[in-house]
């Protein structure tokens, strides 16, 4: 799943997860224009008429207002706690705990945005719904085809490079030991590909069932649950394999935390401080 999700789809159903990908005024701009960007990415999947667009935009604005008031303070506090703990290397339990806490914020955010999405989906006619489902499935198929032509070594190398770049954005630089740790994580992720695709196939199955029955009274609640499971990486059929992978990732992140030198820790703390301050500005706007 990690490194394999069709990013446009994730941005459509859970736009606020991009918060931690930005820093400084860029993050503030991204948040304040989320109503535009979510609608923009949604247009890749379905063409809405003017009435549908107006309704979706109005519901999205309501969800954003609630998120700003209700969820951003939680994010601010959690970043502050993380900064305090990062003064020392994190333990395995701490890594797992922060994963769980950030996941809860992600699930709560998705729950808020399930409302405008449900309203929009209910307004789609069968042709529009078929258009959206076809687009979603084509992204998964394209990703699968792209992966099939690569050797395992090529997959690991490609993923490791992406992880090196992402980690470097948080630490400023990487040692050879740290690059090796991230290459190890890349290997774990490539090894998990069959499980990741099983996860996606089952999500698509649930999604098709939901959208086919979008006129039911409990549609929004069911949609929220499916999207929350997606964000939390939960699937009962493959949960044992997922948990095994997560535990390996937690241990690797613990080792990575232990490998940081003082300069890298200061750089990481500075990045987190930038984000925390921008979240504070957003809360008070």
Protein backbone atom coordinates (compact mmCIF):
# COMPACT_ATOMS: atom_id res chain seq x y z
CA UNK A 1 0.00 0.00 0.00
CA UNK A 2 2.69 2.45 0.96
CA UNK A 3 4.24 3.86 -2.16
CA UNK A 4 1.58 2.11 -4.24
CA UNK A 5 -1.64 4.06 -3.66
CA UNK A 6 -3.00 6.04 -6.63
CA UNK A 7 -2.29 9.48 -5.13
CA UNK A 8 -5.07 11.34 -6.93
CA UNK A 9 -7.67 9.00 -5.44
CA UNK A 10 -6.30 9.39 -1.94
CA UNK A 11 -6.30 13.16 -2.29
CA UNK A 12 -9.92 13.05 -3.41
CA UNK A 13 -11.24 11.06 -0.45
CA UNK A 14 -8.88 12.36 2.24
CA UNK A 15 -7.42 15.64 1.11
CA UNK A 16 -6.23 16.73 4.52
CA UNK A 17 -3.70 13.92 4.80
CA UNK A 18 -1.44 16.11 2.65
CA UNK A 19 -0.91 18.45 5.61
CA UNK A 20 2.25 16.71 6.76
CA UNK A 21 3.68 16.86 3.24
CA UNK A 22 3.97 20.63 3.38
CA UNK A 23 5.87 23.11 5.50
CA UNK A 24 5.82 26.86 6.02
CA UNK A 25 3.39 29.05 4.10
CA UNK A 26 3.07 26.33 1.43
CA UNK A 27 1.11 24.20 3.89
CA UNK A 28 -1.13 27.14 4.80
CA UNK A 29 -1.82 27.83 1.14
CA UNK A 30 -2.54 24.16 0.50
CA UNK A 31 -5.02 23.96 3.38
CA UNK A 32 -6.77 27.19 2.52
CA UNK A 33 -7.26 26.06 -1.08
CA UNK A 34 -8.26 22.45 -0.34
CA UNK A 35 -11.80 23.12 -1.52
CA UNK A 36 -10.34 23.91 -4.95
CA UNK A 37 -7.83 21.05 -5.06
CA UNK A 38 -10.22 18.35 -3.90
CA UNK A 39 -12.73 19.42 -6.55
CA UNK A 40 -9.89 19.60 -9.07
CA UNK A 41 -8.74 16.04 -8.45
CA UNK A 42 -12.32 14.81 -8.29
CA UNK A 43 -12.80 16.07 -11.84
CA UNK A 44 -10.29 13.42 -12.97
CA UNK A 45 -12.83 10.78 -11.98
CA UNK A 46 -16.25 12.18 -12.82
CA UNK A 47 -17.80 15.14 -14.62
CA UNK A 48 -20.27 16.97 -12.37
CA UNK A 49 -22.96 19.32 -13.61
CA UNK A 50 -23.18 22.83 -12.17
CA UNK A 51 -25.84 21.91 -9.61
CA UNK A 52 -23.82 18.95 -8.36
CA UNK A 53 -20.69 21.08 -8.13
CA UNK A 54 -22.45 23.76 -6.08
CA UNK A 55 -23.86 21.21 -3.65
CA UNK A 56 -20.53 19.42 -3.26
CA UNK A 57 -18.63 22.69 -2.74
CA UNK A 58 -21.10 23.84 -0.08
CA UNK A 59 -20.85 20.56 1.84
CA UNK A 60 -17.06 20.55 1.50
CA UNK A 61 -16.83 24.07 2.93
CA UNK A 62 -18.83 22.91 5.97
CA UNK A 63 -16.52 19.93 6.50
CA UNK A 64 -13.41 22.11 6.18
CA UNK A 65 -14.74 24.55 8.78
CA UNK A 66 -15.39 21.72 11.23
CA UNK A 67 -11.97 20.22 10.53
CA UNK A 68 -10.22 23.52 11.18
CA UNK A 69 -12.02 23.89 14.51
CA UNK A 70 -12.02 20.27 15.64
CA UNK A 71 -9.10 18.34 14.12
CA UNK A 72 -6.29 20.86 13.63
CA UNK A 73 -5.89 21.47 17.39
CA UNK A 74 -5.39 17.71 17.82
CA UNK A 75 -2.74 17.74 15.12
CA UNK A 76 -0.99 20.71 16.72
CA UNK A 77 -0.87 19.00 20.11
CA UNK A 78 0.35 15.71 18.66
CA UNK A 79 3.21 17.38 16.79
CA UNK A 80 4.19 19.14 20.03
CA UNK A 81 4.25 15.81 21.88
CA UNK A 82 6.30 14.22 19.11
CA UNK A 83 8.87 17.00 19.24
CA UNK A 84 9.29 16.52 22.99
CA UNK A 85 9.84 12.79 22.58
CA UNK A 86 12.23 13.18 19.64
CA UNK A 87 14.80 14.78 21.94
CA UNK A 88 15.80 11.17 22.61
CA UNK A 89 15.67 8.14 20.28
CA UNK A 90 12.17 6.71 20.08
CA UNK A 91 11.40 3.27 21.45
CA UNK A 92 9.44 0.64 19.52
CA UNK A 93 6.38 1.35 21.66
CA UNK A 94 6.62 5.08 21.01
CA UNK A 95 6.86 4.59 17.24
CA UNK A 96 3.79 2.36 17.31
CA UNK A 97 1.94 4.79 19.57
CA UNK A 98 2.53 7.75 17.25
CA UNK A 99 1.50 5.67 14.26
CA UNK A 100 -1.76 4.89 16.04
CA UNK A 101 -2.34 8.52 17.09
CA UNK A 102 -1.75 9.96 13.62
CA UNK A 103 -3.96 7.21 12.20
CA UNK A 104 -6.79 8.29 14.52
CA UNK A 105 -6.48 11.86 13.26
CA UNK A 106 -6.56 10.55 9.69
CA UNK A 107 -9.66 8.47 10.38
CA UNK A 108 -11.43 11.37 12.09
CA UNK A 109 -10.62 13.61 9.12
CA UNK A 110 -11.90 11.06 6.63
CA UNK A 111 -15.08 10.69 8.68
CA UNK A 112 -15.71 14.43 8.29
CA UNK A 113 -15.12 14.38 4.56
CA UNK A 114 -17.31 11.33 4.07
CA UNK A 115 -20.32 13.65 4.37
CA UNK A 116 -19.67 15.85 1.29
CA UNK A 117 -18.49 12.79 -0.63
CA UNK A 118 -21.66 10.87 0.24
CA UNK A 119 -23.84 13.83 -0.76
CA UNK A 120 -22.03 14.06 -4.09
CA UNK A 121 -22.18 10.31 -4.79
CA UNK A 122 -25.92 10.21 -4.10
CA UNK A 123 -26.44 12.87 -6.77
CA UNK A 124 -24.61 10.95 -9.49
CA UNK A 125 -26.62 9.16 -12.12
CA UNK A 126 -25.67 5.63 -13.18
CA UNK A 127 -23.58 6.84 -16.10
CA UNK A 128 -21.54 9.18 -13.90
CA UNK A 129 -21.07 6.45 -11.29
CA UNK A 130 -19.87 4.04 -13.97
CA UNK A 131 -17.44 6.70 -15.21
CA UNK A 132 -16.00 7.17 -11.72
CA UNK A 133 -15.65 3.46 -11.01
CA UNK A 134 -13.99 2.85 -14.37
CA UNK A 135 -11.43 5.57 -13.64
CA UNK A 136 -10.64 4.21 -10.18
CA UNK A 137 -10.19 0.67 -11.46
CA UNK A 138 -8.05 1.82 -14.38
CA UNK A 139 -5.62 3.52 -11.98
CA UNK A 140 -5.20 0.27 -10.06
CA UNK A 141 -4.75 -1.71 -13.28
CA UNK A 142 -2.18 0.76 -14.60
CA UNK A 143 -0.23 0.54 -11.37
CA UNK A 144 -0.30 -3.25 -11.45
CA UNK A 145 0.92 -3.30 -15.06
CA UNK A 146 3.72 -0.84 -14.26
CA UNK A 147 4.89 -3.08 -11.43
CA UNK A 148 4.68 -6.32 -13.40
CA UNK A 149 7.36 -5.28 -15.91
CA UNK A 150 9.89 -4.54 -13.16
CA UNK A 151 12.19 -7.08 -11.55
CA UNK A 152 12.25 -7.37 -7.77
CA UNK A 153 15.64 -5.64 -7.73
CA UNK A 154 14.29 -2.75 -9.83
CA UNK A 155 11.24 -2.40 -7.58
CA UNK A 156 13.39 -2.24 -4.44
CA UNK A 157 15.79 0.25 -6.03
CA UNK A 158 12.96 2.52 -7.21
CA UNK A 159 11.23 2.43 -3.84
CA UNK A 160 14.47 2.96 -1.92
CA UNK A 161 15.22 6.10 -3.94
CA UNK A 162 11.77 7.48 -3.13
CA UNK A 163 12.26 6.72 0.57
CA UNK A 164 15.71 8.34 0.55
CA UNK A 165 14.25 11.51 -0.92
CA UNK A 166 11.33 11.61 1.52
CA UNK A 167 13.52 10.97 4.56
CA UNK A 168 16.09 13.51 3.43
CA UNK A 169 13.39 16.17 3.36
CA UNK A 170 12.93 15.61 7.10
CA UNK A 171 16.54 15.11 8.22
CA UNK A 172 18.46 17.29 5.77
CA UNK A 173 20.89 14.51 4.89
CA UNK A 174 21.31 10.75 5.20
CA UNK A 175 24.26 8.58 6.16
CA UNK A 176 25.09 5.36 4.32
CA UNK A 177 23.73 3.41 7.30
CA UNK A 178 20.43 5.29 7.14
CA UNK A 179 20.16 4.72 3.40
CA UNK A 180 20.69 1.02 4.03
CA UNK A 181 17.88 1.02 6.60
CA UNK A 182 15.52 2.66 4.11
CA UNK A 183 16.55 0.15 1.44
CA UNK A 184 15.59 -2.55 3.94
CA UNK A 185 12.18 -0.93 4.32
CA UNK A 186 11.85 -0.81 0.55
CA UNK A 187 12.47 -4.54 0.49
CA UNK A 188 9.72 -5.10 3.05
CA UNK A 189 7.29 -3.09 0.95
CA UNK A 190 8.11 -4.91 -2.28
CA UNK A 191 7.72 -8.22 -0.45
CA UNK A 192 4.25 -7.10 0.64
CA UNK A 193 3.02 -6.22 -2.85
CA UNK A 194 0.64 -9.21 -3.15
CA UNK A 195 -0.96 -8.25 0.16
CA UNK A 196 -1.20 -4.60 -0.90
CA UNK A 197 -2.98 -5.54 -4.12
CA UNK A 198 -5.31 -7.88 -2.23
CA UNK A 199 -6.10 -4.96 0.05
CA UNK A 200 -6.91 -2.74 -2.94
CA UNK A 201 -8.99 -5.39 -4.71
CA UNK A 202 -11.12 -5.85 -1.62
CA UNK A 203 -11.49 -2.11 -1.19
CA UNK A 204 -12.74 -1.87 -4.77
CA UNK A 205 -15.20 -4.68 -4.08
CA UNK A 206 -16.58 -2.82 -1.05
CA UNK A 207 -16.62 0.45 -2.99
CA UNK A 208 -18.61 -1.05 -5.88
CA UNK A 209 -21.15 -2.53 -3.47
CA UNK A 210 -21.50 0.76 -1.60
CA UNK A 211 -21.92 2.94 -4.68
CA UNK A 212 -24.44 0.52 -6.14
CA UNK A 213 -26.50 0.94 -2.97
CA UNK A 214 -25.88 4.65 -2.44
CA UNK A 215 -29.59 5.34 -1.99
CA UNK A 216 -29.74 3.42 1.29
CA UNK A 217 -30.21 5.29 4.57
CA UNK A 218 -26.95 4.04 6.09
CA UNK A 219 -24.86 4.81 2.99
CA UNK A 220 -22.87 7.66 4.52
CA UNK A 221 -22.02 5.68 7.66
CA UNK A 222 -20.94 2.68 5.60
CA UNK A 223 -18.89 4.89 3.27
CA UNK A 224 -17.13 6.46 6.24
CA UNK A 225 -16.25 3.05 7.65
CA UNK A 226 -14.79 1.84 4.34
CA UNK A 227 -12.69 5.00 3.94
CA UNK A 228 -11.50 4.87 7.54
CA UNK A 229 -10.35 1.27 7.03
CA UNK A 230 -8.52 2.41 3.91
CA UNK A 231 -6.66 5.18 5.74
CA UNK A 232 -5.92 2.91 8.73
CA UNK A 233 -4.73 0.06 6.50
CA UNK A 234 -7.24 -2.37 7.98
CA UNK A 235 -8.54 -5.52 6.30
CA UNK A 236 -9.60 -8.59 8.28
CA UNK A 237 -8.64 -11.04 5.50
CA UNK A 238 -4.98 -9.97 5.43
CA UNK A 239 -4.63 -8.20 8.79
CA UNK A 240 -2.09 -10.71 10.15
CA UNK A 241 0.24 -10.00 7.21
CA UNK A 242 -0.37 -6.25 7.54
CA UNK A 243 0.41 -6.31 11.26
CA UNK A 244 3.60 -8.26 10.63
CA UNK A 245 4.70 -5.66 8.10
CA UNK A 246 3.80 -2.77 10.40
CA UNK A 247 5.79 -4.26 13.27
CA UNK A 248 8.83 -4.62 11.02
CA UNK A 249 8.37 -1.01 9.92
CA UNK A 250 8.02 0.19 13.52
CA UNK A 251 11.27 -1.55 14.47
CA UNK A 252 13.06 -0.07 11.47
CA UNK A 253 11.83 3.42 12.34
CA UNK A 254 13.10 2.85 15.88
CA UNK A 255 16.52 2.00 14.48
CA UNK A 256 16.39 5.00 12.20
CA UNK A 257 15.52 7.26 15.13
CA UNK A 258 18.49 5.85 17.05
CA UNK A 259 20.80 6.59 14.10
CA UNK A 260 20.07 10.34 13.94
CA UNK A 261 22.91 12.65 14.94
CA UNK A 262 22.42 16.00 16.69
CA UNK A 263 22.40 17.96 13.43
CA UNK A 264 19.73 15.73 11.92
CA UNK A 265 17.62 15.97 15.08
CA UNK A 266 17.79 19.76 14.99
CA UNK A 267 16.80 19.76 11.32
CA UNK A 268 13.85 17.44 11.99
CA UNK A 269 12.74 19.52 14.96
CA UNK A 270 12.91 22.66 12.81
CA UNK A 271 10.70 21.10 10.14
CA UNK A 272 8.15 20.01 12.72
CA UNK A 273 8.21 23.45 14.34
CA UNK A 274 7.44 25.07 10.98
CA UNK A 275 4.45 22.79 10.48
CA UNK A 276 3.20 23.22 14.05
CA UNK A 277 3.34 27.02 13.78
CA UNK A 278 1.48 26.99 10.48
CA UNK A 279 -1.19 24.72 11.96
CA UNK A 280 -1.55 27.24 14.81
CA UNK A 281 -2.03 30.05 12.28
CA UNK A 282 -4.68 28.01 10.46
CA UNK A 283 -6.52 27.31 13.70
CA UNK A 284 -6.74 31.03 14.48
CA UNK A 285 -7.66 32.28 11.00
